[in-house]
Amino acid sequence: MSYSLILAQIKATVESASGIGTVHDYERWANKHADFETLFKSGSKINGWFISREAIQDEWVTQLEILTTYTYVIKGFYSLDDSAASEKTFQALVDAVMNKLRAKVTYSDTTEKAEPPQARLIGSLTVFGIACHYCEIEVSADERLTITLAD
């Protein structure tokens, strides 16, 4: 299984996007306003991202071979400031991340291919009284596994 290898490649790819803030390689949550800011603040504003594996799907290829698709989700938060037209900045960040991910053909030596990224949600929400832009970007990678049958 390539969980950590794929995760490291996705994280490095997201981090290479211009203007990106803090990137975590696992799902981060907070119970208090201050903790949320600690996790997702970059400079003077919220600009934080995390990556988590969301699904594993197997499909038989042959009697001893499975094609496994790993699906990861990248969630991003960015301070919402209407007077500064922050949505434009955030949309540019989403585009930058998407463009970096589109350039990936694979995420590890063991994966066969990476599917094009899908921005499945772009919107806004309020977290602990902080208005934020928010997105979810889905990426998938396929790996062919050989199965050893048990007696």
Protein backbone atom coordinates (compact mmCIF):
# COMPACT_ATOMS: atom_id res chain seq x y z
CA MET A 1 0.00 0.00 0.00
CA SER A 2 1.28 3.42 -0.96
CA TYR A 3 -0.59 5.63 1.52
CA SER A 4 2.40 7.51 2.91
CA LEU A 5 4.21 7.77 -0.44
CA ILE A 6 1.19 9.19 -2.24
CA LEU A 7 0.38 11.50 0.67
CA ALA A 8 3.93 12.91 0.71
CA GLN A 9 3.81 13.59 -3.04
CA ILE A 10 0.42 15.31 -2.84
CA LYS A 11 1.61 17.44 0.08
CA ALA A 12 4.78 18.48 -1.76
CA THR A 13 2.72 19.30 -4.85
CA VAL A 14 0.25 21.46 -2.91
CA GLU A 15 3.10 23.20 -1.07
CA SER A 16 4.70 24.11 -4.40
CA ALA A 17 1.70 26.28 -5.38
CA SER A 18 2.47 29.98 -5.21
CA GLY A 19 0.87 31.78 -2.25
CA ILE A 20 -0.06 28.62 -0.43
CA GLY A 21 -0.03 28.81 3.35
CA THR A 22 0.33 26.03 5.90
CA VAL A 23 -0.20 22.49 4.55
CA HIS A 24 -0.87 19.55 6.90
CA ASP A 25 -0.58 15.93 5.79
CA TYR A 26 -3.53 14.73 7.87
CA GLU A 27 -6.98 16.00 8.77
CA ARG A 28 -6.69 18.78 11.36
CA TRP A 29 -9.51 19.99 13.58
CA ALA A 30 -9.78 22.39 16.49
CA ASN A 31 -12.16 22.78 19.39
CA LYS A 32 -11.44 26.46 20.01
CA HIS A 33 -10.95 29.64 17.99
CA ALA A 34 -7.32 29.99 19.10
CA ASP A 35 -6.51 26.41 18.14
CA PHE A 36 -8.03 26.88 14.67
CA GLU A 37 -5.90 29.98 14.14
CA THR A 38 -2.78 28.14 15.33
CA LEU A 39 -3.39 25.35 12.83
CA PHE A 40 -4.43 27.38 9.79
CA LYS A 41 -3.05 30.90 10.15
CA SER A 42 -0.22 31.91 7.84
CA GLY A 43 1.07 35.42 8.37
CA SER A 44 -1.85 37.69 9.26
CA LYS A 45 -4.66 35.57 7.77
CA ILE A 46 -6.11 32.11 7.64
CA ASN A 47 -4.46 30.29 4.74
CA GLY A 48 -4.31 26.63 5.66
CA TRP A 49 -4.80 23.29 3.97
CA PHE A 50 -4.93 19.64 4.94
CA ILE A 51 -4.88 16.38 3.02
CA SER A 52 -6.63 13.18 4.05
CA ARG A 53 -7.31 9.87 2.35
CA GLU A 54 -11.04 9.55 1.89
CA ALA A 55 -11.57 6.24 0.12
CA ILE A 56 -9.98 3.02 -1.18
CA GLN A 57 -11.70 1.20 -4.02
CA ASP A 58 -10.66 -2.21 -5.34
CA GLU A 59 -11.51 -3.74 -8.69
CA TRP A 60 -10.51 -7.21 -9.86
CA VAL A 61 -8.31 -7.15 -12.96
CA THR A 62 -7.46 -10.86 -13.01
CA GLN A 63 -7.84 -13.68 -10.51
CA LEU A 64 -4.66 -12.58 -8.73
CA GLU A 65 -4.56 -8.87 -9.51
CA ILE A 66 -6.51 -5.92 -8.14
CA LEU A 67 -6.56 -2.32 -9.34
CA THR A 68 -6.80 -0.14 -6.24
CA THR A 69 -7.89 3.48 -6.47
CA TYR A 70 -6.91 5.71 -3.55
CA THR A 71 -8.92 8.92 -3.21
CA TYR A 72 -7.53 11.85 -1.24
CA VAL A 73 -9.25 15.12 -0.41
CA ILE A 74 -7.45 18.43 0.02
CA LYS A 75 -9.37 20.97 2.08
CA GLY A 76 -8.38 24.63 2.07
CA PHE A 77 -9.39 27.57 4.26
CA TYR A 78 -8.68 31.25 3.52
CA SER A 79 -9.71 34.41 5.42
CA LEU A 80 -12.78 36.01 3.88
CA ASP A 81 -12.51 39.79 3.55
CA ASP A 82 -15.14 41.22 1.22
CA SER A 83 -13.57 44.70 1.20
CA ALA A 84 -10.34 43.18 -0.14
CA ALA A 85 -12.13 40.96 -2.71
CA SER A 86 -10.54 37.96 -1.01
CA GLU A 87 -12.59 35.55 -3.10
CA LYS A 88 -10.45 36.49 -6.12
CA THR A 89 -7.28 35.68 -4.18
CA PHE A 90 -8.72 32.40 -2.95
CA GLN A 91 -9.94 31.39 -6.43
CA ALA A 92 -6.40 32.08 -7.72
CA LEU A 93 -5.03 29.81 -4.96
CA VAL A 94 -7.47 27.06 -5.95
CA ASP A 95 -6.34 27.43 -9.57
CA ALA A 96 -2.68 27.30 -8.53
CA VAL A 97 -3.22 24.09 -6.56
CA MET A 98 -5.29 22.55 -9.37
CA ASN A 99 -2.60 23.42 -11.96
CA LYS A 100 0.15 21.83 -9.84
CA LEU A 101 -1.96 18.69 -9.36
CA ARG A 102 -2.84 18.50 -13.07
CA ALA A 103 0.87 18.29 -13.86
CA LYS A 104 1.22 15.06 -11.85
CA VAL A 105 0.98 11.85 -13.89
CA THR A 106 1.62 9.64 -10.86
CA TYR A 107 2.20 10.10 -7.11
CA SER A 108 4.68 7.32 -6.36
CA ASP A 109 6.78 4.63 -8.01
CA THR A 110 4.03 2.09 -7.39
CA THR A 111 1.06 4.05 -8.71
CA GLU A 112 0.14 3.66 -12.36
CA LYS A 113 -1.55 6.99 -12.88
CA ALA A 114 -3.09 9.96 -11.15
CA GLU A 115 -6.54 11.09 -12.19
CA PRO A 116 -7.03 14.81 -12.92
CA PRO A 117 -7.98 16.75 -9.79
CA GLN A 118 -11.62 17.67 -9.18
CA ALA A 119 -12.59 20.82 -7.27
CA ARG A 120 -15.80 19.35 -5.93
CA LEU A 121 -16.68 22.26 -3.65
CA ILE A 122 -15.70 25.94 -3.53
CA GLY A 123 -17.60 28.20 -1.18
CA SER A 124 -17.47 29.88 2.20
CA LEU A 125 -18.20 28.99 5.80
CA THR A 126 -17.72 30.34 9.29
CA VAL A 127 -15.42 28.57 11.72
CA PHE A 128 -15.36 29.81 15.34
CA GLY A 129 -16.71 33.15 14.15
CA ILE A 130 -14.08 33.46 11.41
CA ALA A 131 -15.52 33.86 7.91
CA CYS A 132 -13.47 31.71 5.54
CA HIS A 133 -13.39 30.73 1.92
CA TYR A 134 -13.33 26.94 1.71
CA CYS A 135 -12.64 24.32 -0.94
CA GLU A 136 -12.38 20.58 -1.36
CA ILE A 137 -10.17 19.19 -4.10
CA GLU A 138 -10.26 15.47 -4.83
CA VAL A 139 -7.33 13.55 -6.30
CA SER A 140 -7.10 9.84 -7.06
CA ALA A 141 -4.25 7.50 -7.85
CA ASP A 142 -4.39 3.93 -9.17
CA GLU A 143 -2.12 1.11 -8.05
CA ARG A 144 -2.06 -2.48 -9.35
CA LEU A 145 -1.70 -5.03 -6.55
CA THR A 146 -0.84 -8.71 -6.84
CA ILE A 147 -2.80 -10.87 -4.43
CA THR A 148 -1.42 -13.93 -2.65
CA LEU A 149 -4.19 -16.40 -2.01
CA ALA A 150 -4.40 -17.99 1.42
CA ASP A 151 -4.74 -21.75 1.77
